[in-house]
Every structure is written in C-alpha cells, then in structure tokens.
Amino acid sequence: MFTQTIIPDKASITIQLPESFVGEEVRVIAVVEKKTDVMKSLSDRLKAVKDKYSVYPRVNLSDFTFDREEANDFD
C-alpha cells in the first residue's frame, strides 16, 4: 500500500509510484480531506453543548410530584 498526501497547484499532476508497483494493477483514489477539530478541549465541548441547549425554555420541576398508584390506575 502506498499513501501520499499532496496539495496540487494545478489540475494535472504526476505521481511517482514505488518500483514494486510497476506491472501491477494499481487503483488511484482522490479524496479531498476536510480539516476537523477532532481533539477539542473538554471545556470547548462543554461550551458547545451549553450554547446549543441553553436556548430551550427551562421548566422548574422542584414542586413536581409523581403518584405511582395514579399513573398505574387504568380503570
């Protein structure tokens, strides 16, 4: 296997392959790599979650009571 990352400056490029590839069937695949911040810090990730979900209205559930008997009463 042979991997090479390049940044072409024109549409036509020439690739030098290893000698062991000569006479073999070779597949060339071109993929544009996207830059991503995979290793964001924990504080950056927490801030992103907070920013995303802080727009939803908050509900005060401190006075909420749950009656299990009433919830299971199917009559």
C-alpha atoms as a PDB file:
ATOM      1  CA  MET A   1       0.000   0.000   0.000  1.00  0.00           C
ATOM      2  CA  PHE A   2       1.194   3.493  -0.801  1.00  0.00           C
ATOM      3  CA  THR A   3      -0.298   6.688   0.630  1.00  0.00           C
ATOM      4  CA  GLN A   4       0.720  10.196  -0.293  1.00  0.00           C
ATOM      5  CA  THR A   5      -0.946  13.459   0.698  1.00  0.00           C
ATOM      6  CA  ILE A   6      -0.451  16.340  -1.707  1.00  0.00           C
ATOM      7  CA  ILE A   7      -1.806  19.824  -2.301  1.00  0.00           C
ATOM      8  CA  PRO A   8      -1.905  20.248  -6.089  1.00  0.00           C
ATOM      9  CA  ASP A   9      -1.366  23.667  -7.619  1.00  0.00           C
ATOM     10  CA  LYS A  10      -2.876  22.664 -10.989  1.00  0.00           C
ATOM     11  CA  ALA A  11      -5.461  20.185 -12.290  1.00  0.00           C
ATOM     12  CA  SER A  12      -2.929  17.772 -13.813  1.00  0.00           C
ATOM     13  CA  ILE A  13      -0.384  16.016 -11.569  1.00  0.00           C
ATOM     14  CA  THR A  14       2.185  13.218 -11.893  1.00  0.00           C
ATOM     15  CA  ILE A  15       2.599  10.659  -9.123  1.00  0.00           C
ATOM     16  CA  GLN A  16       5.821   8.704  -8.624  1.00  0.00           C
ATOM     17  CA  LEU A  17       4.975   5.134  -7.558  1.00  0.00           C
ATOM     18  CA  PRO A  18       7.338   2.661  -5.897  1.00  0.00           C
ATOM     19  CA  GLU A  19       9.204   0.298  -8.266  1.00  0.00           C
ATOM     20  CA  SER A  20       7.312  -2.672  -6.781  1.00  0.00           C
ATOM     21  CA  PHE A  21       4.092  -1.277  -8.279  1.00  0.00           C
ATOM     22  CA  VAL A  22       5.403  -1.433 -11.870  1.00  0.00           C
ATOM     23  CA  GLY A  23       3.494  -4.080 -13.826  1.00  0.00           C
ATOM     24  CA  GLU A  24       0.818  -4.406 -11.132  1.00  0.00           C
ATOM     25  CA  GLU A  25      -2.814  -3.328 -11.235  1.00  0.00           C
ATOM     26  CA  VAL A  26      -2.974  -0.047  -9.302  1.00  0.00           C
ATOM     27  CA  ARG A  27      -6.064   1.841  -8.135  1.00  0.00           C
ATOM     28  CA  VAL A  28      -5.807   5.605  -7.672  1.00  0.00           C
ATOM     29  CA  ILE A  29      -8.411   7.331  -5.494  1.00  0.00           C
ATOM     30  CA  ALA A  30      -8.508  11.111  -5.000  1.00  0.00           C
ATOM     31  CA  VAL A  31     -10.221  12.404  -1.849  1.00  0.00           C
ATOM     32  CA  VAL A  32     -10.421  15.951  -0.553  1.00  0.00           C
ATOM     33  CA  GLU A  33      -9.559  15.832   3.149  1.00  0.00           C
ATOM     34  CA  LYS A  34     -11.629  18.003   5.422  1.00  0.00           C
ATOM     35  CA  LYS A  35      -9.949  19.673   8.353  1.00  0.00           C
ATOM     36  CA  THR A  36     -11.812  18.907  11.573  1.00  0.00           C
ATOM     37  CA  ASP A  37     -11.074  19.734  15.173  1.00  0.00           C
ATOM     38  CA  VAL A  38     -11.316  16.197  16.495  1.00  0.00           C
ATOM     39  CA  MET A  39      -9.329  16.881  19.632  1.00  0.00           C
ATOM     40  CA  LYS A  40     -11.234  19.848  21.047  1.00  0.00           C
ATOM     41  CA  SER A  41     -10.653  20.502  24.698  1.00  0.00           C
ATOM     42  CA  LEU A  42     -13.244  19.405  27.226  1.00  0.00           C
ATOM     43  CA  SER A  43     -14.142  22.999  28.052  1.00  0.00           C
ATOM     44  CA  ASP A  44     -14.753  23.760  24.350  1.00  0.00           C
ATOM     45  CA  ARG A  45     -17.035  20.726  24.021  1.00  0.00           C
ATOM     46  CA  LEU A  46     -18.950  21.638  27.194  1.00  0.00           C
ATOM     47  CA  LYS A  47     -19.382  25.203  25.955  1.00  0.00           C
ATOM     48  CA  ALA A  48     -20.704  23.928  22.601  1.00  0.00           C
ATOM     49  CA  VAL A  49     -23.286  21.733  24.367  1.00  0.00           C
ATOM     50  CA  LYS A  50     -24.304  24.576  26.682  1.00  0.00           C
ATOM     51  CA  ASP A  51     -24.669  27.013  23.767  1.00  0.00           C
ATOM     52  CA  LYS A  52     -26.777  24.534  21.795  1.00  0.00           C
ATOM     53  CA  TYR A  53     -29.203  23.563  24.562  1.00  0.00           C
ATOM     54  CA  SER A  54     -29.440  26.807  26.552  1.00  0.00           C
ATOM     55  CA  VAL A  55     -31.890  28.252  24.001  1.00  0.00           C
ATOM     56  CA  TYR A  56     -34.658  25.895  25.145  1.00  0.00           C
ATOM     57  CA  PRO A  57     -37.034  27.109  27.878  1.00  0.00           C
ATOM     58  CA  ARG A  58     -36.340  25.782  31.353  1.00  0.00           C
ATOM     59  CA  VAL A  59     -39.015  24.169  33.484  1.00  0.00           C
ATOM     60  CA  ASN A  60     -38.910  24.222  37.274  1.00  0.00           C
ATOM     61  CA  LEU A  61     -39.672  20.677  38.447  1.00  0.00           C
ATOM     62  CA  SER A  62     -38.891  21.226  42.132  1.00  0.00           C
ATOM     63  CA  ASP A  63     -42.615  21.100  43.075  1.00  0.00           C
ATOM     64  CA  PHE A  64     -43.403  18.191  40.767  1.00  0.00           C
ATOM     65  CA  THR A  65     -44.936  15.161  42.455  1.00  0.00           C
ATOM     66  CA  PHE A  66     -45.497  11.761  40.925  1.00  0.00           C
ATOM     67  CA  ASP A  67     -48.205   9.413  42.160  1.00  0.00           C
ATOM     68  CA  ARG A  68     -47.235   5.933  41.041  1.00  0.00           C
ATOM     69  CA  GLU A  69     -50.632   4.479  42.010  1.00  0.00           C
ATOM     70  CA  GLU A  70     -52.480   7.067  39.921  1.00  0.00           C
ATOM     71  CA  ALA A  71     -50.143   6.507  36.967  1.00  0.00           C
ATOM     72  CA  ASN A  72     -50.838   2.759  37.020  1.00  0.00           C
ATOM     73  CA  ASP A  73     -54.599   3.073  37.575  1.00  0.00           C
ATOM     74  CA  PHE A  74     -56.135   2.017  34.257  1.00  0.00           C
ATOM     75  CA  ASP A  75     -59.789   1.922  35.382  1.00  0.00           C
END
